[in-house]
Amino acid sequence: MFEVTTLGQPLEVVKTTMAANRKDGMAAAISKIWGRGGVLGFYQGLIPWAWIEASTKGAVLLFVASEAEYYVRAAGAPSFVAGISGGM
């Protein structure tokens, strides 16, 4: 959730603004967003959805990775291999 709040949403708003205004560069897009509401202009849109998405998907991935590591270790693989397998 920290990543979504600090970088994800603001960069998504900049990207969307640049896509809607193809002739504008990054500085012009940031200027337009800032003009719409200062810092809060970067959080217009779907920030509650992004928070829900980040928290639920992160939890699911954590549990799935832990289960995969457990089963790989139970099959006799070393911790290193289990960690890599859980990450994949």
Protein backbone atom coordinates (compact mmCIF):
# COMPACT_ATOMS: atom_id res chain seq x y z
CA MET A 1 0.00 0.00 0.00
CA PHE A 2 2.95 2.30 0.63
CA GLU A 3 4.10 1.94 -2.97
CA VAL A 4 0.62 2.59 -4.35
CA THR A 5 0.20 5.69 -2.21
CA THR A 6 3.64 7.22 -2.72
CA LEU A 7 4.47 6.34 -6.33
CA GLY A 8 1.81 4.22 -7.99
CA GLN A 9 -1.20 6.52 -8.01
CA PRO A 10 0.67 9.77 -8.76
CA LEU A 11 2.57 8.18 -11.65
CA GLU A 12 -0.63 6.60 -12.94
CA VAL A 13 -2.30 10.02 -12.98
CA VAL A 14 0.70 11.51 -14.82
CA LYS A 15 0.66 8.66 -17.34
CA THR A 16 -3.07 9.03 -17.97
CA THR A 17 -2.74 12.80 -18.39
CA MET A 18 0.11 12.36 -20.86
CA ALA A 19 -1.89 9.76 -22.79
CA ALA A 20 -4.88 12.09 -23.02
CA ASN A 21 -2.69 15.02 -24.11
CA ARG A 22 -0.19 13.44 -26.49
CA LYS A 23 1.64 16.68 -27.23
CA ASP A 24 2.44 17.37 -23.58
CA GLY A 25 5.65 16.21 -21.99
CA MET A 26 6.04 15.09 -18.41
CA ALA A 27 6.60 18.61 -17.07
CA ALA A 28 3.44 19.91 -18.78
CA ALA A 29 1.41 16.96 -17.47
CA ILE A 30 2.64 17.52 -13.92
CA SER A 31 1.85 21.23 -14.25
CA LYS A 32 -1.71 20.48 -15.39
CA ILE A 33 -2.25 18.01 -12.56
CA TRP A 34 -0.86 20.43 -9.99
CA GLY A 35 -3.19 23.12 -11.37
CA ARG A 36 -6.19 20.85 -10.77
CA GLY A 37 -5.61 20.57 -7.05
CA GLY A 38 -2.02 20.75 -5.91
CA VAL A 39 -0.77 17.59 -4.26
CA LEU A 40 -4.30 16.19 -4.06
CA GLY A 41 -4.54 16.44 -7.84
CA PHE A 42 -2.25 13.42 -8.04
CA TYR A 43 -4.76 11.37 -6.05
CA GLN A 44 -7.80 12.01 -8.22
CA GLY A 45 -9.29 8.83 -9.54
CA LEU A 46 -9.32 5.36 -8.12
CA ILE A 47 -7.05 5.56 -5.06
CA PRO A 48 -9.49 3.62 -2.80
CA TRP A 49 -9.61 0.87 -5.43
CA ALA A 50 -5.81 0.85 -5.60
CA TRP A 51 -5.56 0.49 -1.80
CA ILE A 52 -8.00 -2.43 -1.78
CA GLU A 53 -6.24 -4.06 -4.73
CA ALA A 54 -2.80 -3.67 -3.14
CA SER A 55 -3.84 -5.00 0.25
CA THR A 56 -5.81 -8.02 -0.97
CA LYS A 57 -3.47 -9.08 -3.76
CA GLY A 58 -0.42 -8.66 -1.52
CA ALA A 59 -1.97 -10.88 1.15
CA VAL A 60 -2.93 -13.54 -1.38
CA LEU A 61 0.55 -13.58 -2.90
CA LEU A 62 2.14 -13.85 0.55
CA PHE A 63 0.03 -16.87 1.48
CA VAL A 64 0.55 -18.59 -1.86
CA ALA A 65 4.32 -18.07 -1.69
CA SER A 66 4.43 -19.46 1.85
CA GLU A 67 2.44 -22.55 0.87
CA ALA A 68 4.63 -23.17 -2.17
CA GLU A 69 7.78 -22.89 -0.05
CA TYR A 70 6.33 -25.30 2.51
CA TYR A 71 5.51 -27.98 -0.05
CA VAL A 72 8.84 -27.65 -1.84
CA ARG A 73 10.71 -27.99 1.48
CA ALA A 74 8.49 -30.94 2.45
CA ALA A 75 9.53 -32.60 -0.80
CA GLY A 76 13.15 -32.42 0.41
CA ALA A 77 14.46 -29.33 -1.39
CA PRO A 78 16.86 -26.98 0.40
CA SER A 79 15.63 -23.62 1.72
CA PHE A 80 17.27 -21.77 -1.17
CA VAL A 81 15.35 -23.73 -3.80
CA ALA A 82 12.14 -23.47 -1.76
CA GLY A 83 12.49 -19.69 -1.57
CA ILE A 84 13.02 -19.35 -5.28
CA SER A 85 10.10 -21.68 -6.00
CA GLY A 86 7.80 -19.73 -3.70
CA GLY A 87 8.82 -16.50 -5.38
CA MET A 88 8.04 -17.87 -8.81
